[in-house]
């Protein structure tokens, strides 16, 4: 997707490594509801960063989380 187009559709688009809840859910192929519940209960413990009211997920941390799940 062209970054300029994405910025027009979503003025809060965070390019590159950091993803919003909806982008992280799509990346992990789970629902946003699952991501939100996981953040609240910490089960599973998916790493995230809170900056003010914004919740961001690091693509590298999500990859590490997935790798840890495969090893179980």
PDB file of N, CA and C in Angstrom:
ATOM      1  N   UNK A   1       0.851  -1.177   0.000  1.00  0.00           N
ATOM      2  CA  UNK A   1       0.000   0.000   0.000  1.00  0.00           C
ATOM      3  C   UNK A   1       0.890   1.231   0.000  1.00  0.00           C
ATOM      4  N   UNK A   2       0.537   2.167  -0.813  1.00  0.00           N
ATOM      5  CA  UNK A   2       1.286   3.416  -0.892  1.00  0.00           C
ATOM      6  C   UNK A   2       1.126   4.192   0.412  1.00  0.00           C
ATOM      7  N   UNK A   3       2.239   4.623   1.006  1.00  0.00           N
ATOM      8  CA  UNK A   3       2.185   5.319   2.299  1.00  0.00           C
ATOM      9  C   UNK A   3       1.369   6.597   2.213  1.00  0.00           C
ATOM     10  N   UNK A   4       1.481   7.321   1.101  1.00  0.00           N
ATOM     11  CA  UNK A   4       0.728   8.562   0.960  1.00  0.00           C
ATOM     12  C   UNK A   4      -0.768   8.277   0.956  1.00  0.00           C
ATOM     13  N   UNK A   5      -1.200   7.220   0.274  1.00  0.00           N
ATOM     14  CA  UNK A   5      -2.606   6.841   0.262  1.00  0.00           C
ATOM     15  C   UNK A   5      -3.057   6.458   1.657  1.00  0.00           C
ATOM     16  N   UNK A   6      -2.234   5.683   2.364  1.00  0.00           N
ATOM     17  CA  UNK A   6      -2.594   5.252   3.706  1.00  0.00           C
ATOM     18  C   UNK A   6      -2.739   6.448   4.639  1.00  0.00           C
ATOM     19  N   UNK A   7      -1.890   7.451   4.510  1.00  0.00           N
ATOM     20  CA  UNK A   7      -1.988   8.645   5.351  1.00  0.00           C
ATOM     21  C   UNK A   7      -3.282   9.394   5.103  1.00  0.00           C
ATOM     22  N   UNK A   8      -3.775   9.400   3.866  1.00  0.00           N
ATOM     23  CA  UNK A   8      -5.036  10.058   3.559  1.00  0.00           C
ATOM     24  C   UNK A   8      -6.198   9.315   4.205  1.00  0.00           C
ATOM     25  N   UNK A   9      -6.134   7.989   4.206  1.00  0.00           N
ATOM     26  CA  UNK A   9      -7.198   7.179   4.782  1.00  0.00           C
ATOM     27  C   UNK A   9      -7.167   7.209   6.301  1.00  0.00           C
ATOM     28  N   UNK A  10      -5.986   7.255   6.889  1.00  0.00           N
ATOM     29  CA  UNK A  10      -5.818   7.199   8.325  1.00  0.00           C
ATOM     30  C   UNK A  10      -4.787   8.243   8.749  1.00  0.00           C
ATOM     31  N   UNK A  11      -5.219   9.384   9.248  1.00  0.00           N
ATOM     32  CA  UNK A  11      -4.267  10.435   9.610  1.00  0.00           C
ATOM     33  C   UNK A  11      -3.365  10.064  10.775  1.00  0.00           C
ATOM     34  N   UNK A  12      -3.670   8.985  11.487  1.00  0.00           N
ATOM     35  CA  UNK A  12      -2.859   8.558  12.623  1.00  0.00           C
ATOM     36  C   UNK A  12      -1.990   7.355  12.273  1.00  0.00           C
ATOM     37  N   UNK A  13      -1.797   7.109  10.990  1.00  0.00           N
ATOM     38  CA  UNK A  13      -0.985   5.995  10.516  1.00  0.00           C
ATOM     39  C   UNK A  13       0.434   6.110  11.064  1.00  0.00           C
ATOM     40  N   UNK A  14       0.950   5.011  11.632  1.00  0.00           N
ATOM     41  CA  UNK A  14       2.309   4.965  12.159  1.00  0.00           C
ATOM     42  C   UNK A  14       3.101   4.037  11.244  1.00  0.00           C
ATOM     43  N   UNK A  15       3.956   4.579  10.379  1.00  0.00           N
ATOM     44  CA  UNK A  15       4.648   3.756   9.392  1.00  0.00           C
ATOM     45  C   UNK A  15       5.725   2.884  10.005  1.00  0.00           C
ATOM     46  N   UNK A  16       6.049   1.804   9.302  1.00  0.00           N
ATOM     47  CA  UNK A  16       7.211   1.006   9.637  1.00  0.00           C
ATOM     48  C   UNK A  16       7.027   0.031  10.780  1.00  0.00           C
ATOM     49  N   UNK A  17       7.923   0.121  11.734  1.00  0.00           N
ATOM     50  CA  UNK A  17       8.062  -0.880  12.787  1.00  0.00           C
ATOM     51  C   UNK A  17       6.900  -0.903  13.772  1.00  0.00           C
ATOM     52  N   UNK A  18       6.294   0.226  14.073  1.00  0.00           N
ATOM     53  CA  UNK A  18       5.266   0.313  15.103  1.00  0.00           C
ATOM     54  C   UNK A  18       3.871   0.226  14.497  1.00  0.00           C
ATOM     55  N   UNK A  19       3.002  -0.570  15.135  1.00  0.00           N
ATOM     56  CA  UNK A  19       1.662  -0.809  14.619  1.00  0.00           C
ATOM     57  C   UNK A  19       0.609  -0.484  15.662  1.00  0.00           C
ATOM     58  N   UNK A  20      -0.510   0.022  15.187  1.00  0.00           N
ATOM     59  CA  UNK A  20      -1.668   0.246  16.049  1.00  0.00           C
ATOM     60  C   UNK A  20      -2.360  -1.096  16.277  1.00  0.00           C
ATOM     61  N   UNK A  21      -3.363  -1.116  17.134  1.00  0.00           N
ATOM     62  CA  UNK A  21      -4.066  -2.348  17.491  1.00  0.00           C
ATOM     63  C   UNK A  21      -4.591  -3.055  16.247  1.00  0.00           C
ATOM     64  N   UNK A  22      -5.261  -2.318  15.377  1.00  0.00           N
ATOM     65  CA  UNK A  22      -5.848  -2.951  14.181  1.00  0.00           C
ATOM     66  C   UNK A  22      -4.771  -3.547  13.278  1.00  0.00           C
ATOM     67  N   UNK A  23      -3.646  -2.866  13.143  1.00  0.00           N
ATOM     68  CA  UNK A  23      -2.554  -3.366  12.306  1.00  0.00           C
ATOM     69  C   UNK A  23      -1.901  -4.596  12.937  1.00  0.00           C
ATOM     70  N   UNK A  24      -1.734  -4.583  14.263  1.00  0.00           N
ATOM     71  CA  UNK A  24      -1.148  -5.734  14.963  1.00  0.00           C
ATOM     72  C   UNK A  24      -2.070  -6.947  14.860  1.00  0.00           C
ATOM     73  N   UNK A  25      -3.356  -6.723  14.986  1.00  0.00           N
ATOM     74  CA  UNK A  25      -4.322  -7.823  14.865  1.00  0.00           C
ATOM     75  C   UNK A  25      -4.248  -8.429  13.469  1.00  0.00           C
ATOM     76  N   UNK A  26      -4.188  -7.586  12.469  1.00  0.00           N
ATOM     77  CA  UNK A  26      -4.087  -8.072  11.094  1.00  0.00           C
ATOM     78  C   UNK A  26      -2.770  -8.822  10.894  1.00  0.00           C
ATOM     79  N   UNK A  27      -1.686  -8.304  11.445  1.00  0.00           N
ATOM     80  CA  UNK A  27      -0.363  -8.927  11.325  1.00  0.00           C
ATOM     81  C   UNK A  27      -0.350 -10.317  11.957  1.00  0.00           C
ATOM     82  N   UNK A  28      -0.983 -10.452  13.135  1.00  0.00           N
ATOM     83  CA  UNK A  28      -1.042 -11.734  13.832  1.00  0.00           C
ATOM     84  C   UNK A  28      -2.174 -12.626  13.331  1.00  0.00           C
ATOM     85  N   UNK A  29      -3.055 -12.046  12.503  1.00  0.00           N
ATOM     86  CA  UNK A  29      -4.229 -12.738  11.969  1.00  0.00           C
ATOM     87  C   UNK A  29      -5.170 -13.190  13.082  1.00  0.00           C
ATOM     88  N   UNK A  30      -5.411 -12.256  13.991  1.00  0.00           N
ATOM     89  CA  UNK A  30      -6.388 -12.453  15.065  1.00  0.00           C
ATOM     90  C   UNK A  30      -7.304 -11.234  15.078  1.00  0.00           C
ATOM     91  N   UNK A  31      -8.347 -11.291  15.883  1.00  0.00           N
ATOM     92  CA  UNK A  31      -9.270 -10.159  15.952  1.00  0.00           C
ATOM     93  C   UNK A  31      -8.720  -9.051  16.852  1.00  0.00           C
ATOM     94  N   UNK A  32      -9.221  -7.851  16.644  1.00  0.00           N
ATOM     95  CA  UNK A  32      -8.850  -6.738  17.529  1.00  0.00           C
ATOM     96  C   UNK A  32      -9.324  -7.031  18.945  1.00  0.00           C
ATOM     97  N   UNK A  33     -10.465  -7.690  19.070  1.00  0.00           N
ATOM     98  CA  UNK A  33     -10.989  -8.051  20.382  1.00  0.00           C
ATOM     99  C   UNK A  33      -9.993  -8.949  21.128  1.00  0.00           C
ATOM    100  N   UNK A  34      -9.388  -9.907  20.430  1.00  0.00           N
ATOM    101  CA  UNK A  34      -8.393 -10.793  21.038  1.00  0.00           C
ATOM    102  C   UNK A  34      -7.190  -9.981  21.532  1.00  0.00           C
ATOM    103  N   UNK A  35      -6.714  -9.063  20.691  1.00  0.00           N
ATOM    104  CA  UNK A  35      -5.561  -8.223  21.061  1.00  0.00           C
ATOM    105  C   UNK A  35      -5.889  -7.386  22.295  1.00  0.00           C
ATOM    106  N   UNK A  36      -7.071  -6.781  22.311  1.00  0.00           N
ATOM    107  CA  UNK A  36      -7.453  -5.941  23.448  1.00  0.00           C
ATOM    108  C   UNK A  36      -7.583  -6.748  24.728  1.00  0.00           C
ATOM    109  N   UNK A  37      -8.193  -7.934  24.656  1.00  0.00           N
ATOM    110  CA  UNK A  37      -8.323  -8.787  25.849  1.00  0.00           C
ATOM    111  C   UNK A  37      -6.954  -9.262  26.335  1.00  0.00           C
ATOM    112  N   UNK A  38      -6.077  -9.603  25.394  1.00  0.00           N
ATOM    113  CA  UNK A  38      -4.725 -10.041  25.766  1.00  0.00           C
ATOM    114  C   UNK A  38      -3.973  -8.918  26.476  1.00  0.00           C
ATOM    115  N   UNK A  39      -4.166  -7.700  26.018  1.00  0.00           N
ATOM    116  CA  UNK A  39      -3.490  -6.563  26.657  1.00  0.00           C
ATOM    117  C   UNK A  39      -4.021  -6.354  28.072  1.00  0.00           C
ATOM    118  N   UNK A  40      -5.317  -6.506  28.269  1.00  0.00           N
ATOM    119  CA  UNK A  40      -5.923  -6.277  29.580  1.00  0.00           C
ATOM    120  C   UNK A  40      -5.593  -7.387  30.571  1.00  0.00           C
ATOM    121  N   UNK A  41      -5.594  -8.636  30.108  1.00  0.00           N
ATOM    122  CA  UNK A  41      -5.375  -9.772  31.007  1.00  0.00           C
ATOM    123  C   UNK A  41      -3.922 -10.235  31.049  1.00  0.00           C
ATOM    124  N   UNK A  42      -3.144  -9.820  30.031  1.00  0.00           N
ATOM    125  CA  UNK A  42      -1.750 -10.258  29.863  1.00  0.00           C
ATOM    126  C   UNK A  42      -1.660 -11.760  29.605  1.00  0.00           C
ATOM    127  N   UNK A  43      -2.764 -12.356  29.123  1.00  0.00           N
ATOM    128  CA  UNK A  43      -2.771 -13.777  28.757  1.00  0.00           C
ATOM    129  C   UNK A  43      -3.336 -13.879  27.350  1.00  0.00           C
ATOM    130  N   UNK A  44      -2.586 -14.203  26.313  1.00  0.00           N
ATOM    131  CA  UNK A  44      -1.131 -14.322  26.340  1.00  0.00           C
ATOM    132  C   UNK A  44      -0.483 -12.943  26.464  1.00  0.00           C
ATOM    133  N   UNK A  45       0.750 -12.955  26.907  1.00  0.00           N
ATOM    134  CA  UNK A  45       1.471 -11.708  27.164  1.00  0.00           C
ATOM    135  C   UNK A  45       2.098 -11.180  25.874  1.00  0.00           C
ATOM    136  N   UNK A  46       1.306 -10.442  25.110  1.00  0.00           N
ATOM    137  CA  UNK A  46       1.778  -9.843  23.865  1.00  0.00           C
ATOM    138  C   UNK A  46       2.344  -8.462  24.215  1.00  0.00           C
ATOM    139  N   UNK A  47       3.639  -8.221  23.946  1.00  0.00           N
ATOM    140  CA  UNK A  47       4.262  -6.956  24.339  1.00  0.00           C
ATOM    141  C   UNK A  47       3.674  -5.758  23.586  1.00  0.00           C
ATOM    142  N   UNK A  48       3.505  -4.661  24.312  1.00  0.00           N
ATOM    143  CA  UNK A  48       2.990  -3.431  23.721  1.00  0.00           C
ATOM    144  C   UNK A  48       3.583  -2.239  24.451  1.00  0.00           C
ATOM    145  N   UNK A  49       3.425  -1.063  23.871  1.00  0.00           N
ATOM    146  CA  UNK A  49       3.896   0.191  24.457  1.00  0.00           C
ATOM    147  C   UNK A  49       2.710   1.143  24.494  1.00  0.00           C
ATOM    148  N   UNK A  50       2.556   1.851  25.601  1.00  0.00           N
ATOM    149  CA  UNK A  50       1.502   2.855  25.711  1.00  0.00           C
ATOM    150  C   UNK A  50       2.180   4.227  25.699  1.00  0.00           C
ATOM    151  N   UNK A  51       1.749   5.067  24.761  1.00  0.00           N
ATOM    152  CA  UNK A  51       2.234   6.444  24.683  1.00  0.00           C
ATOM    153  C   UNK A  51       0.997   7.321  24.791  1.00  0.00           C
ATOM    154  N   UNK A  52       0.806   7.879  25.967  1.00  0.00           N
ATOM    155  CA  UNK A  52      -0.440   8.606  26.222  1.00  0.00           C
ATOM    156  C   UNK A  52      -1.598   7.637  26.152  1.00  0.00           C
ATOM    157  N   UNK A  53      -2.553   7.909  25.281  1.00  0.00           N
ATOM    158  CA  UNK A  53      -3.702   7.017  25.107  1.00  0.00           C
ATOM    159  C   UNK A  53      -3.498   6.034  23.962  1.00  0.00           C
ATOM    160  N   UNK A  54      -2.406   6.189  23.241  1.00  0.00           N
ATOM    161  CA  UNK A  54      -2.144   5.345  22.078  1.00  0.00           C
ATOM    162  C   UNK A  54      -1.433   4.062  22.493  1.00  0.00           C
ATOM    163  N   UNK A  55      -1.895   2.949  21.952  1.00  0.00           N
ATOM    164  CA  UNK A  55      -1.275   1.641  22.175  1.00  0.00           C
ATOM    165  C   UNK A  55      -0.555   1.264  20.889  1.00  0.00           C
ATOM    166  N   UNK A  56       0.721   0.908  21.010  1.00  0.00           N
ATOM    167  CA  UNK A  56       1.511   0.522  19.850  1.00  0.00           C
ATOM    168  C   UNK A  56       2.161  -0.837  20.083  1.00  0.00           C
ATOM    169  N   UNK A  57       2.286  -1.584  19.003  1.00  0.00           N
ATOM    170  CA  UNK A  57       2.935  -2.893  19.034  1.00  0.00           C
ATOM    171  C   UNK A  57       4.148  -2.843  18.120  1.00  0.00           C
ATOM    172  N   UNK A  58       5.261  -3.357  18.616  1.00  0.00           N
ATOM    173  CA  UNK A  58       6.514  -3.400  17.869  1.00  0.00           C
ATOM    174  C   UNK A  58       6.524  -4.669  17.007  1.00  0.00           C
ATOM    175  N   UNK A  59       6.732  -4.503  15.727  1.00  0.00           N
ATOM    176  CA  UNK A  59       6.728  -5.645  14.800  1.00  0.00           C
ATOM    177  C   UNK A  59       7.761  -6.698  15.216  1.00  0.00           C
ATOM    178  N   UNK A  60       8.938  -6.267  15.673  1.00  0.00           N
ATOM    179  CA  UNK A  60       9.979  -7.212  16.088  1.00  0.00           C
ATOM    180  C   UNK A  60       9.552  -7.988  17.342  1.00  0.00           C
ATOM    181  N   UNK A  61       8.891  -7.319  18.273  1.00  0.00           N
ATOM    182  CA  UNK A  61       8.412  -7.992  19.481  1.00  0.00           C
ATOM    183  C   UNK A  61       7.304  -8.986  19.135  1.00  0.00           C
ATOM    184  N   UNK A  62       6.454  -8.640  18.174  1.00  0.00           N
ATOM    185  CA  UNK A  62       5.403  -9.570  17.748  1.00  0.00           C
ATOM    186  C   UNK A  62       6.012 -10.798  17.083  1.00  0.00           C
ATOM    187  N   UNK A  63       7.052 -10.602  16.293  1.00  0.00           N
ATOM    188  CA  UNK A  63       7.750 -11.736  15.675  1.00  0.00           C
ATOM    189  C   UNK A  63       8.351 -12.646  16.738  1.00  0.00           C
ATOM    190  N   UNK A  64       8.975 -12.054  17.766  1.00  0.00           N
ATOM    191  CA  UNK A  64       9.560 -12.843  18.851  1.00  0.00           C
ATOM    192  C   UNK A  64       8.469 -13.588  19.619  1.00  0.00           C
ATOM    193  N   UNK A  65       7.339 -12.924  19.841  1.00  0.00           N
ATOM    194  CA  UNK A  65       6.204 -13.565  20.505  1.00  0.00           C
ATOM    195  C   UNK A  65       5.740 -14.781  19.708  1.00  0.00           C
ATOM    196  N   UNK A  66       5.600 -14.625  18.393  1.00  0.00           N
ATOM    197  CA  UNK A  66       5.164 -15.739  17.550  1.00  0.00           C
ATOM    198  C   UNK A  66       6.173 -16.893  17.590  1.00  0.00           C
ATOM    199  N   UNK A  67       7.452 -16.567  17.515  1.00  0.00           N
ATOM    200  CA  UNK A  67       8.483 -17.603  17.572  1.00  0.00           C
ATOM    201  C   UNK A  67       8.417 -18.366  18.902  1.00  0.00           C
ATOM    202  N   UNK A  68       8.176 -17.676  19.994  1.00  0.00           N
ATOM    203  CA  UNK A  68       8.076 -18.324  21.304  1.00  0.00           C
ATOM    204  C   UNK A  68       6.864 -19.254  21.346  1.00  0.00           C
ATOM    205  N   UNK A  69       5.777 -18.865  20.675  1.00  0.00           N
ATOM    206  CA  UNK A  69       4.583 -19.702  20.658  1.00  0.00           C
ATOM    207  C   UNK A  69       4.802 -20.974  19.855  1.00  0.00           C
ATOM    208  N   UNK A  70       5.576 -20.885  18.799  1.00  0.00           N
ATOM    209  CA  UNK A  70       5.872 -22.050  17.960  1.00  0.00           C
ATOM    210  C   UNK A  70       6.712 -23.059  18.717  1.00  0.00           C
ATOM    211  N   UNK A  71       7.598 -22.573  19.587  1.00  0.00           N
ATOM    212  CA  UNK A  71       8.486 -23.449  20.347  1.00  0.00           C
ATOM    213  C   UNK A  71       7.818 -24.183  21.483  1.00  0.00           C
ATOM    214  N   UNK A  72       6.560 -23.871  21.777  1.00  0.00           N
ATOM    215  CA  UNK A  72       5.872 -24.522  22.908  1.00  0.00           C
ATOM    216  C   UNK A  72       5.444 -25.913  22.578  1.00  0.00           C
TER     217      UNK A  72
END
